[in-house]
């Protein structure tokens, strides 16, 4: 099972069925904040919904198409991060993430993203990593900005959220740029 220790506080673990209970509790505690930026939150009304998500995530990982991992802080599930479907032909991948209430603003997700960027560009030999965030979500946008991603533009009305459509800021990072930073 995938288990990556970032530091003495932070660990990434591949999502497994036994994590559904922890994930549902985190969504419940964070529902008001999460629903502002994530379209799936209102559809998660019971643990079984997350069990299905995790089952699909495990299948995707087994087919080498991407994965979702829990970000654990001192043994508590703090958020989720993962690769969207890997485009092996174009050697690119998107990263998605969210943090639960009380874990934001501490650098946890930036550390986790750095690990996934390193792995994608240096170990998997991909050429491009992309992160898309709602333009109004400053906390989420700060992560690719801290990691020296290039702001590439805006996709208008890219996602429908409970409050209406939001634009997405698109950030990209190429392997050649990441090597220069390292």
N, C-alpha and C. Protein backbone atom coordinates (compact mmCIF):
# COMPACT_ATOMS: atom_id res chain seq x y z
N UNK A 1 0.83 -1.18 0.00
CA UNK A 1 0.00 0.00 0.00
C UNK A 1 0.88 1.25 0.00
N UNK A 2 0.50 2.26 -0.79
CA UNK A 2 1.22 3.52 -0.87
C UNK A 2 1.15 4.23 0.48
N UNK A 3 2.30 4.58 0.99
CA UNK A 3 2.41 5.28 2.26
C UNK A 3 3.67 6.12 2.17
N UNK A 4 3.54 7.44 2.16
CA UNK A 4 4.68 8.33 2.00
C UNK A 4 4.74 9.27 3.19
N UNK A 5 5.81 9.17 3.95
CA UNK A 5 6.00 10.05 5.11
C UNK A 5 6.67 11.32 4.62
N UNK A 6 5.97 12.45 4.75
CA UNK A 6 6.51 13.74 4.33
C UNK A 6 7.44 14.29 5.40
N UNK A 7 6.99 14.27 6.63
CA UNK A 7 7.80 14.70 7.77
C UNK A 7 7.19 14.08 9.03
N UNK A 8 7.63 14.52 10.20
CA UNK A 8 7.16 13.90 11.44
C UNK A 8 5.67 14.11 11.69
N UNK A 9 5.07 15.10 11.03
CA UNK A 9 3.64 15.38 11.19
C UNK A 9 2.78 14.80 10.08
N UNK A 10 3.30 14.79 8.84
CA UNK A 10 2.49 14.55 7.65
C UNK A 10 2.80 13.23 6.97
N UNK A 11 1.73 12.53 6.59
CA UNK A 11 1.85 11.27 5.85
C UNK A 11 0.78 11.25 4.77
N UNK A 12 1.15 10.75 3.61
CA UNK A 12 0.19 10.49 2.54
C UNK A 12 -0.05 8.99 2.50
N UNK A 13 -1.34 8.60 2.45
CA UNK A 13 -1.70 7.19 2.35
C UNK A 13 -2.73 7.03 1.25
N UNK A 14 -2.50 6.05 0.37
CA UNK A 14 -3.47 5.74 -0.66
C UNK A 14 -4.82 5.49 0.00
N UNK A 15 -5.88 6.10 -0.53
CA UNK A 15 -7.20 5.88 0.05
C UNK A 15 -7.60 4.43 -0.08
N UNK A 16 -8.07 3.88 1.01
CA UNK A 16 -8.53 2.50 1.06
C UNK A 16 -9.92 2.49 1.68
N UNK A 17 -10.69 1.40 1.48
CA UNK A 17 -12.07 1.36 1.99
C UNK A 17 -12.21 1.72 3.47
N UNK A 18 -11.24 1.33 4.28
CA UNK A 18 -11.35 1.62 5.71
C UNK A 18 -11.22 3.12 6.03
N UNK A 19 -10.83 3.93 5.06
CA UNK A 19 -10.71 5.37 5.27
C UNK A 19 -12.03 6.11 5.06
N UNK A 20 -13.05 5.44 4.52
CA UNK A 20 -14.32 6.11 4.21
C UNK A 20 -14.94 6.75 5.45
N UNK A 21 -14.86 6.08 6.57
CA UNK A 21 -15.42 6.60 7.82
C UNK A 21 -14.75 7.91 8.21
N UNK A 22 -13.42 7.95 8.12
CA UNK A 22 -12.66 9.16 8.46
C UNK A 22 -12.98 10.28 7.47
N UNK A 23 -13.06 9.92 6.20
CA UNK A 23 -13.32 10.91 5.16
C UNK A 23 -14.72 11.50 5.33
N UNK A 24 -15.71 10.66 5.62
CA UNK A 24 -17.06 11.16 5.80
C UNK A 24 -17.12 12.11 7.00
N UNK A 25 -16.47 11.74 8.09
CA UNK A 25 -16.45 12.61 9.27
C UNK A 25 -15.81 13.96 8.95
N UNK A 26 -14.74 13.95 8.16
CA UNK A 26 -14.06 15.19 7.77
C UNK A 26 -14.96 16.05 6.88
N UNK A 27 -15.63 15.42 5.93
CA UNK A 27 -16.57 16.16 5.07
C UNK A 27 -17.68 16.76 5.92
N UNK A 28 -18.23 15.99 6.83
CA UNK A 28 -19.32 16.49 7.69
C UNK A 28 -18.87 17.72 8.49
N UNK A 29 -17.67 17.64 9.08
CA UNK A 29 -17.17 18.77 9.88
C UNK A 29 -16.87 20.00 9.02
N UNK A 30 -16.59 19.77 7.74
CA UNK A 30 -16.11 20.85 6.86
C UNK A 30 -17.11 21.23 5.78
N UNK A 31 -18.29 20.67 5.84
CA UNK A 31 -19.28 20.78 4.76
C UNK A 31 -19.53 22.22 4.31
N UNK A 32 -19.76 23.14 5.21
CA UNK A 32 -20.08 24.52 4.84
C UNK A 32 -18.95 25.15 4.05
N UNK A 33 -17.74 24.97 4.50
CA UNK A 33 -16.58 25.56 3.81
C UNK A 33 -16.31 24.88 2.48
N UNK A 34 -16.39 23.54 2.46
CA UNK A 34 -16.09 22.79 1.24
C UNK A 34 -17.10 23.04 0.13
N UNK A 35 -18.37 23.15 0.47
CA UNK A 35 -19.40 23.28 -0.57
C UNK A 35 -19.26 24.57 -1.36
N UNK A 36 -18.55 25.55 -0.79
CA UNK A 36 -18.33 26.81 -1.51
C UNK A 36 -17.49 26.58 -2.77
N UNK A 37 -16.60 25.55 -2.74
CA UNK A 37 -15.66 25.36 -3.85
C UNK A 37 -15.74 24.00 -4.52
N UNK A 38 -16.44 23.05 -3.95
CA UNK A 38 -16.45 21.68 -4.48
C UNK A 38 -17.87 21.25 -4.82
N UNK A 39 -18.14 20.91 -6.08
CA UNK A 39 -19.50 20.61 -6.50
C UNK A 39 -20.07 19.30 -5.96
N UNK A 40 -19.25 18.39 -5.50
CA UNK A 40 -19.71 17.07 -5.08
C UNK A 40 -20.17 17.01 -3.62
N UNK A 41 -19.88 18.03 -2.85
CA UNK A 41 -20.10 17.98 -1.40
C UNK A 41 -21.57 17.73 -1.04
N UNK A 42 -22.49 18.42 -1.69
CA UNK A 42 -23.90 18.24 -1.34
C UNK A 42 -24.40 16.84 -1.69
N UNK A 43 -23.75 16.16 -2.61
CA UNK A 43 -24.14 14.80 -2.97
C UNK A 43 -23.62 13.73 -2.03
N UNK A 44 -22.74 14.11 -1.13
CA UNK A 44 -22.19 13.17 -0.15
C UNK A 44 -23.01 13.29 1.12
N UNK A 45 -24.02 12.42 1.22
CA UNK A 45 -24.92 12.48 2.37
C UNK A 45 -24.78 11.28 3.29
N UNK A 46 -23.98 10.30 2.87
CA UNK A 46 -23.74 9.13 3.71
C UNK A 46 -22.37 8.54 3.37
N UNK A 47 -21.86 7.78 4.29
CA UNK A 47 -20.53 7.18 4.14
C UNK A 47 -20.42 6.33 2.88
N UNK A 48 -21.50 5.68 2.49
CA UNK A 48 -21.48 4.81 1.31
C UNK A 48 -21.07 5.56 0.05
N UNK A 49 -21.40 6.84 -0.04
CA UNK A 49 -21.00 7.63 -1.20
C UNK A 49 -19.47 7.70 -1.31
N UNK A 50 -18.82 7.84 -0.19
CA UNK A 50 -17.35 7.91 -0.18
C UNK A 50 -16.74 6.52 -0.35
N UNK A 51 -17.41 5.49 0.12
CA UNK A 51 -16.94 4.12 -0.13
C UNK A 51 -16.89 3.86 -1.64
N UNK A 52 -17.90 4.33 -2.37
CA UNK A 52 -17.92 4.17 -3.82
C UNK A 52 -16.79 4.97 -4.46
N UNK A 53 -16.60 6.21 -4.01
CA UNK A 53 -15.50 7.04 -4.53
C UNK A 53 -14.16 6.34 -4.31
N UNK A 54 -13.94 5.82 -3.12
CA UNK A 54 -12.67 5.16 -2.80
C UNK A 54 -12.50 3.90 -3.64
N UNK A 55 -13.55 3.13 -3.80
CA UNK A 55 -13.48 1.93 -4.64
C UNK A 55 -13.04 2.29 -6.06
N UNK A 56 -13.62 3.35 -6.62
CA UNK A 56 -13.25 3.80 -7.96
C UNK A 56 -11.81 4.33 -8.01
N UNK A 57 -11.40 4.98 -6.94
CA UNK A 57 -10.03 5.49 -6.85
C UNK A 57 -9.02 4.35 -6.80
N UNK A 58 -9.32 3.31 -6.03
CA UNK A 58 -8.43 2.14 -5.94
C UNK A 58 -8.32 1.47 -7.31
N UNK A 59 -9.44 1.37 -8.02
CA UNK A 59 -9.44 0.77 -9.36
C UNK A 59 -8.59 1.62 -10.31
N UNK A 60 -8.76 2.94 -10.26
CA UNK A 60 -7.97 3.83 -11.11
C UNK A 60 -6.47 3.66 -10.83
N UNK A 61 -6.11 3.55 -9.57
CA UNK A 61 -4.70 3.36 -9.20
C UNK A 61 -4.18 2.03 -9.72
N UNK A 62 -5.00 0.99 -9.63
CA UNK A 62 -4.56 -0.34 -10.08
C UNK A 62 -4.36 -0.38 -11.60
N UNK A 63 -5.01 0.53 -12.31
CA UNK A 63 -4.88 0.61 -13.77
C UNK A 63 -3.85 1.65 -14.19
N UNK A 64 -3.08 2.17 -13.24
CA UNK A 64 -2.03 3.15 -13.49
C UNK A 64 -2.58 4.43 -14.12
N UNK A 65 -3.78 4.83 -13.68
CA UNK A 65 -4.41 5.99 -14.27
C UNK A 65 -4.49 7.19 -13.36
N UNK A 66 -3.93 7.11 -12.18
CA UNK A 66 -4.00 8.18 -11.20
C UNK A 66 -4.38 7.58 -9.86
N UNK A 67 -4.45 8.41 -8.82
CA UNK A 67 -4.82 7.90 -7.51
C UNK A 67 -5.26 9.04 -6.61
N UNK A 68 -5.89 8.69 -5.52
CA UNK A 68 -6.24 9.64 -4.47
C UNK A 68 -5.64 9.15 -3.16
N UNK A 69 -5.09 10.09 -2.42
CA UNK A 69 -4.46 9.75 -1.14
C UNK A 69 -5.02 10.65 -0.05
N UNK A 70 -5.06 10.11 1.14
CA UNK A 70 -5.40 10.90 2.31
C UNK A 70 -4.16 11.61 2.80
N UNK A 71 -4.32 12.84 3.23
CA UNK A 71 -3.25 13.59 3.87
C UNK A 71 -3.53 13.52 5.37
N UNK A 72 -2.67 12.83 6.07
CA UNK A 72 -2.86 12.59 7.50
C UNK A 72 -1.90 13.49 8.29
N UNK A 73 -2.45 14.19 9.26
CA UNK A 73 -1.67 15.07 10.13
C UNK A 73 -1.70 14.47 11.53
N UNK A 74 -0.54 14.03 12.00
CA UNK A 74 -0.45 13.39 13.32
C UNK A 74 -1.52 12.31 13.50
N UNK A 75 -1.73 11.52 12.45
CA UNK A 75 -2.66 10.40 12.52
C UNK A 75 -4.12 10.72 12.25
N UNK A 76 -4.44 11.98 12.02
CA UNK A 76 -5.82 12.40 11.72
C UNK A 76 -5.93 12.75 10.25
N UNK A 77 -7.00 12.31 9.59
CA UNK A 77 -7.21 12.67 8.21
C UNK A 77 -7.52 14.16 8.11
N UNK A 78 -6.70 14.87 7.32
CA UNK A 78 -6.84 16.32 7.19
C UNK A 78 -7.36 16.74 5.82
N UNK A 79 -7.17 15.89 4.81
CA UNK A 79 -7.61 16.26 3.47
C UNK A 79 -7.29 15.16 2.48
N UNK A 80 -7.58 15.46 1.22
CA UNK A 80 -7.39 14.51 0.13
C UNK A 80 -6.61 15.20 -0.97
N UNK A 81 -5.70 14.45 -1.59
CA UNK A 81 -4.93 14.94 -2.73
C UNK A 81 -4.75 13.78 -3.70
N UNK A 82 -4.66 14.10 -4.96
CA UNK A 82 -4.44 13.02 -5.91
C UNK A 82 -4.23 13.50 -7.32
N UNK A 83 -3.88 12.54 -8.16
CA UNK A 83 -3.75 12.78 -9.59
C UNK A 83 -5.09 12.51 -10.24
N UNK A 84 -5.51 13.44 -11.08
CA UNK A 84 -6.65 13.15 -11.96
C UNK A 84 -6.13 12.15 -12.99
N UNK A 85 -6.96 11.74 -13.90
CA UNK A 85 -6.56 10.76 -14.91
C UNK A 85 -5.24 11.17 -15.57
N UNK A 86 -4.27 10.28 -15.56
CA UNK A 86 -2.97 10.55 -16.18
C UNK A 86 -3.10 10.40 -17.69
N UNK A 87 -2.62 11.39 -18.42
CA UNK A 87 -2.58 11.35 -19.88
C UNK A 87 -1.19 10.85 -20.27
N UNK A 88 -1.07 9.54 -20.44
CA UNK A 88 0.24 8.94 -20.71
C UNK A 88 0.76 9.33 -22.09
N UNK A 89 -0.12 9.51 -23.06
CA UNK A 89 0.33 9.89 -24.40
C UNK A 89 1.02 11.26 -24.38
N UNK A 90 0.39 12.22 -23.70
CA UNK A 90 0.94 13.58 -23.63
C UNK A 90 1.81 13.79 -22.39
N UNK A 91 1.92 12.75 -21.57
CA UNK A 91 2.77 12.76 -20.38
C UNK A 91 2.42 13.93 -19.46
N UNK A 92 1.11 14.03 -19.15
CA UNK A 92 0.67 15.11 -18.27
C UNK A 92 -0.39 14.61 -17.29
N UNK A 93 -0.54 15.37 -16.22
CA UNK A 93 -1.51 15.01 -15.19
C UNK A 93 -1.96 16.28 -14.47
N UNK A 94 -3.17 16.24 -13.96
CA UNK A 94 -3.67 17.30 -13.09
C UNK A 94 -3.66 16.83 -11.65
N UNK A 95 -3.50 17.76 -10.75
CA UNK A 95 -3.55 17.46 -9.32
C UNK A 95 -4.77 18.16 -8.74
N UNK A 96 -5.52 17.43 -7.94
CA UNK A 96 -6.65 18.00 -7.21
C UNK A 96 -6.46 17.78 -5.72
N UNK A 97 -7.04 18.66 -4.92
CA UNK A 97 -6.86 18.56 -3.47
C UNK A 97 -7.93 19.34 -2.73
N UNK A 98 -8.13 18.96 -1.49
CA UNK A 98 -8.96 19.74 -0.57
C UNK A 98 -8.53 19.43 0.87
N UNK A 99 -8.71 20.42 1.71
CA UNK A 99 -8.39 20.30 3.14
C UNK A 99 -9.65 20.48 3.98
N UNK A 100 -9.70 19.75 5.07
CA UNK A 100 -10.81 19.89 6.00
C UNK A 100 -10.65 21.12 6.89
N UNK A 101 -11.74 21.47 7.51
CA UNK A 101 -11.81 22.60 8.43
C UNK A 101 -10.74 22.46 9.52
N UNK A 102 -10.02 23.56 9.75
CA UNK A 102 -9.02 23.60 10.81
C UNK A 102 -7.61 23.21 10.37
N UNK A 103 -7.46 22.74 9.15
CA UNK A 103 -6.14 22.33 8.68
C UNK A 103 -5.54 23.31 7.68
N UNK A 104 -6.34 24.26 7.23
CA UNK A 104 -5.88 25.20 6.22
C UNK A 104 -4.90 26.22 6.81
N UNK A 105 -4.06 26.77 5.92
CA UNK A 105 -3.15 27.83 6.33
C UNK A 105 -1.92 27.38 7.10
N UNK A 106 -1.64 26.10 7.10
CA UNK A 106 -0.49 25.58 7.86
C UNK A 106 0.61 25.00 6.94
N UNK A 107 0.39 25.07 5.63
CA UNK A 107 1.38 24.58 4.68
C UNK A 107 1.30 23.09 4.39
N UNK A 108 0.32 22.41 4.98
CA UNK A 108 0.22 20.96 4.79
C UNK A 108 0.00 20.58 3.33
N UNK A 109 -0.93 21.26 2.66
CA UNK A 109 -1.23 20.88 1.29
C UNK A 109 -0.12 21.28 0.34
N UNK A 110 0.56 22.37 0.61
CA UNK A 110 1.71 22.74 -0.23
C UNK A 110 2.77 21.65 -0.15
N UNK A 111 3.03 21.13 1.05
CA UNK A 111 4.01 20.04 1.20
C UNK A 111 3.57 18.80 0.45
N UNK A 112 2.29 18.46 0.53
CA UNK A 112 1.77 17.28 -0.17
C UNK A 112 1.85 17.47 -1.68
N UNK A 113 1.51 18.66 -2.16
CA UNK A 113 1.59 18.94 -3.60
C UNK A 113 3.02 18.82 -4.10
N UNK A 114 3.95 19.32 -3.32
CA UNK A 114 5.36 19.24 -3.71
C UNK A 114 5.77 17.78 -3.92
N UNK A 115 5.32 16.90 -3.05
CA UNK A 115 5.62 15.47 -3.19
C UNK A 115 5.03 14.91 -4.48
N UNK A 116 3.77 15.25 -4.77
CA UNK A 116 3.13 14.73 -5.98
C UNK A 116 3.75 15.31 -7.25
N UNK A 117 4.16 16.57 -7.21
CA UNK A 117 4.84 17.16 -8.37
C UNK A 117 6.17 16.47 -8.59
N UNK A 118 6.97 16.31 -7.54
CA UNK A 118 8.25 15.59 -7.65
C UNK A 118 8.05 14.20 -8.26
N UNK A 119 7.09 13.49 -7.74
CA UNK A 119 6.86 12.12 -8.20
C UNK A 119 6.43 12.10 -9.66
N UNK A 120 5.52 12.98 -10.03
CA UNK A 120 5.03 13.01 -11.42
C UNK A 120 6.13 13.36 -12.41
N UNK A 121 6.90 14.39 -12.10
CA UNK A 121 7.88 14.89 -13.06
C UNK A 121 9.21 14.15 -13.03
N UNK A 122 9.62 13.70 -11.86
CA UNK A 122 10.95 13.10 -11.74
C UNK A 122 10.92 11.58 -11.72
N UNK A 123 9.90 10.98 -11.11
CA UNK A 123 9.83 9.52 -11.03
C UNK A 123 9.00 8.91 -12.16
N UNK A 124 7.86 9.53 -12.46
CA UNK A 124 6.99 8.99 -13.51
C UNK A 124 7.38 9.50 -14.89
N UNK A 125 8.31 10.44 -14.92
CA UNK A 125 8.81 11.01 -16.17
C UNK A 125 7.71 11.69 -16.98
N UNK A 126 6.74 12.30 -16.30
CA UNK A 126 5.74 13.09 -16.99
C UNK A 126 6.36 14.44 -17.35
N UNK A 127 5.76 15.13 -18.27
CA UNK A 127 6.30 16.40 -18.73
C UNK A 127 5.58 17.61 -18.15
N UNK A 128 4.32 17.42 -17.74
CA UNK A 128 3.51 18.57 -17.32
C UNK A 128 2.59 18.19 -16.16
N UNK A 129 2.49 19.11 -15.21
CA UNK A 129 1.52 18.99 -14.13
C UNK A 129 0.66 20.25 -14.17
N UNK A 130 -0.64 20.04 -14.00
CA UNK A 130 -1.57 21.16 -14.06
C UNK A 130 -2.42 21.18 -12.79
N UNK A 131 -2.71 22.38 -12.33
CA UNK A 131 -3.63 22.59 -11.21
C UNK A 131 -4.64 23.64 -11.65
N UNK A 132 -5.93 23.32 -11.46
CA UNK A 132 -7.00 24.27 -11.75
C UNK A 132 -7.74 24.57 -10.46
N UNK A 133 -8.02 25.85 -10.25
CA UNK A 133 -8.72 26.29 -9.04
C UNK A 133 -9.73 27.36 -9.42
N UNK A 134 -10.81 27.44 -8.67
CA UNK A 134 -11.74 28.55 -8.87
C UNK A 134 -10.98 29.86 -8.66
N UNK A 135 -11.21 30.82 -9.55
CA UNK A 135 -10.44 32.07 -9.47
C UNK A 135 -10.62 32.78 -8.12
N UNK A 136 -11.75 32.61 -7.48
CA UNK A 136 -11.99 33.27 -6.19
C UNK A 136 -11.45 32.52 -5.00
N UNK A 137 -10.92 31.33 -5.21
CA UNK A 137 -10.42 30.51 -4.10
C UNK A 137 -8.93 30.83 -3.88
N UNK A 138 -8.67 31.89 -3.17
CA UNK A 138 -7.29 32.37 -2.96
C UNK A 138 -6.43 31.34 -2.23
N UNK A 139 -6.98 30.63 -1.28
CA UNK A 139 -6.18 29.64 -0.54
C UNK A 139 -5.71 28.53 -1.47
N UNK A 140 -6.59 28.07 -2.34
CA UNK A 140 -6.23 27.00 -3.27
C UNK A 140 -5.24 27.50 -4.32
N UNK A 141 -5.44 28.70 -4.80
CA UNK A 141 -4.55 29.27 -5.81
C UNK A 141 -3.15 29.53 -5.26
N UNK A 142 -3.05 29.80 -3.96
CA UNK A 142 -1.74 30.10 -3.36
C UNK A 142 -0.79 28.91 -3.45
N UNK A 143 -1.34 27.70 -3.50
CA UNK A 143 -0.48 26.51 -3.53
C UNK A 143 0.34 26.43 -4.82
N UNK A 144 -0.27 26.44 -6.01
CA UNK A 144 0.58 26.41 -7.20
C UNK A 144 1.47 27.65 -7.32
N UNK A 145 0.99 28.77 -6.82
CA UNK A 145 1.82 29.98 -6.87
C UNK A 145 3.07 29.82 -6.01
N UNK A 146 2.93 29.23 -4.81
CA UNK A 146 4.09 28.98 -3.94
C UNK A 146 5.07 28.00 -4.56
N UNK A 147 4.54 27.07 -5.37
CA UNK A 147 5.38 26.04 -5.97
C UNK A 147 5.91 26.44 -7.35
N UNK A 148 5.79 27.72 -7.69
CA UNK A 148 6.32 28.29 -8.93
C UNK A 148 5.67 27.77 -10.20
N UNK A 149 4.40 27.34 -10.11
CA UNK A 149 3.65 27.04 -11.32
C UNK A 149 3.45 28.34 -12.09
N UNK A 150 3.25 28.23 -13.38
CA UNK A 150 2.98 29.38 -14.23
C UNK A 150 1.47 29.54 -14.38
N UNK A 151 0.97 30.74 -14.14
CA UNK A 151 -0.45 31.02 -14.38
C UNK A 151 -0.62 31.11 -15.88
N UNK A 152 -1.48 30.24 -16.42
CA UNK A 152 -1.62 30.14 -17.87
C UNK A 152 -2.90 30.78 -18.40
N UNK A 153 -3.84 31.07 -17.54
CA UNK A 153 -5.06 31.71 -18.01
C UNK A 153 -6.28 31.29 -17.23
N UNK A 154 -7.43 31.70 -17.73
CA UNK A 154 -8.71 31.45 -17.06
C UNK A 154 -9.65 30.74 -18.02
N UNK A 155 -10.30 29.72 -17.52
CA UNK A 155 -11.37 29.06 -18.25
C UNK A 155 -12.67 29.60 -17.66
N UNK A 156 -13.45 30.24 -18.49
CA UNK A 156 -14.67 30.89 -18.02
C UNK A 156 -15.77 29.87 -17.73
N UNK A 157 -16.48 30.10 -16.64
CA UNK A 157 -17.60 29.27 -16.21
C UNK A 157 -17.27 27.78 -16.33
N UNK A 158 -16.15 27.40 -15.78
CA UNK A 158 -15.63 26.03 -15.91
C UNK A 158 -16.36 25.03 -15.03
N UNK A 159 -16.97 25.50 -13.95
CA UNK A 159 -17.56 24.56 -13.00
C UNK A 159 -18.81 25.17 -12.38
N UNK A 160 -19.83 24.31 -12.22
CA UNK A 160 -21.07 24.75 -11.60
C UNK A 160 -21.06 24.34 -10.13
N UNK A 161 -21.10 25.32 -9.27
CA UNK A 161 -21.14 25.11 -7.82
C UNK A 161 -22.54 25.49 -7.32
N UNK A 162 -22.85 25.20 -6.08
CA UNK A 162 -24.18 25.54 -5.57
C UNK A 162 -24.55 27.02 -5.76
N UNK A 163 -23.57 27.91 -5.68
CA UNK A 163 -23.84 29.35 -5.82
C UNK A 163 -23.83 29.81 -7.27
N UNK A 164 -23.52 28.92 -8.21
CA UNK A 164 -23.46 29.30 -9.62
C UNK A 164 -22.13 28.91 -10.25
N UNK A 165 -21.94 29.32 -11.48
CA UNK A 165 -20.72 28.98 -12.20
C UNK A 165 -19.53 29.80 -11.71
N UNK A 166 -18.37 29.15 -11.70
CA UNK A 166 -17.13 29.85 -11.35
C UNK A 166 -16.12 29.64 -12.48
N UNK A 167 -15.25 30.61 -12.61
CA UNK A 167 -14.13 30.50 -13.55
C UNK A 167 -13.00 29.73 -12.89
N UNK A 168 -12.19 29.07 -13.71
CA UNK A 168 -11.02 28.37 -13.19
C UNK A 168 -9.74 29.06 -13.64
N UNK A 169 -8.85 29.27 -12.69
CA UNK A 169 -7.48 29.68 -13.00
C UNK A 169 -6.70 28.41 -13.31
N UNK A 170 -5.93 28.43 -14.39
CA UNK A 170 -5.15 27.27 -14.81
C UNK A 170 -3.68 27.56 -14.57
N UNK A 171 -3.03 26.66 -13.83
CA UNK A 171 -1.60 26.75 -13.56
C UNK A 171 -0.92 25.52 -14.14
N UNK A 172 0.25 25.71 -14.75
CA UNK A 172 0.99 24.59 -15.30
C UNK A 172 2.45 24.66 -14.89
N UNK A 173 3.06 23.49 -14.84
CA UNK A 173 4.49 23.39 -14.54
C UNK A 173 5.07 22.29 -15.39
N UNK A 174 6.17 22.58 -16.08
CA UNK A 174 6.83 21.61 -16.94
C UNK A 174 8.03 21.00 -16.22
N UNK A 175 8.37 19.79 -16.60
CA UNK A 175 9.51 19.11 -15.98
C UNK A 175 10.77 19.96 -16.07
N UNK A 176 11.02 20.59 -17.21
CA UNK A 176 12.23 21.41 -17.37
C UNK A 176 12.24 22.57 -16.38
N UNK A 177 11.09 23.13 -16.07
CA UNK A 177 11.00 24.24 -15.10
C UNK A 177 11.23 23.73 -13.68
N UNK A 178 10.68 22.57 -13.36
CA UNK A 178 10.81 22.00 -12.01
C UNK A 178 12.26 21.63 -11.72
N UNK A 179 12.95 21.09 -12.72
CA UNK A 179 14.37 20.73 -12.54
C UNK A 179 15.19 21.96 -12.25
N UNK A 180 14.87 23.08 -12.90
CA UNK A 180 15.60 24.33 -12.66
C UNK A 180 15.37 24.84 -11.25
N UNK A 181 14.17 24.60 -10.71
CA UNK A 181 13.85 25.05 -9.36
C UNK A 181 14.54 24.17 -8.31
N UNK A 182 14.69 22.88 -8.63
CA UNK A 182 15.25 21.93 -7.68
C UNK A 182 16.69 22.13 -7.51
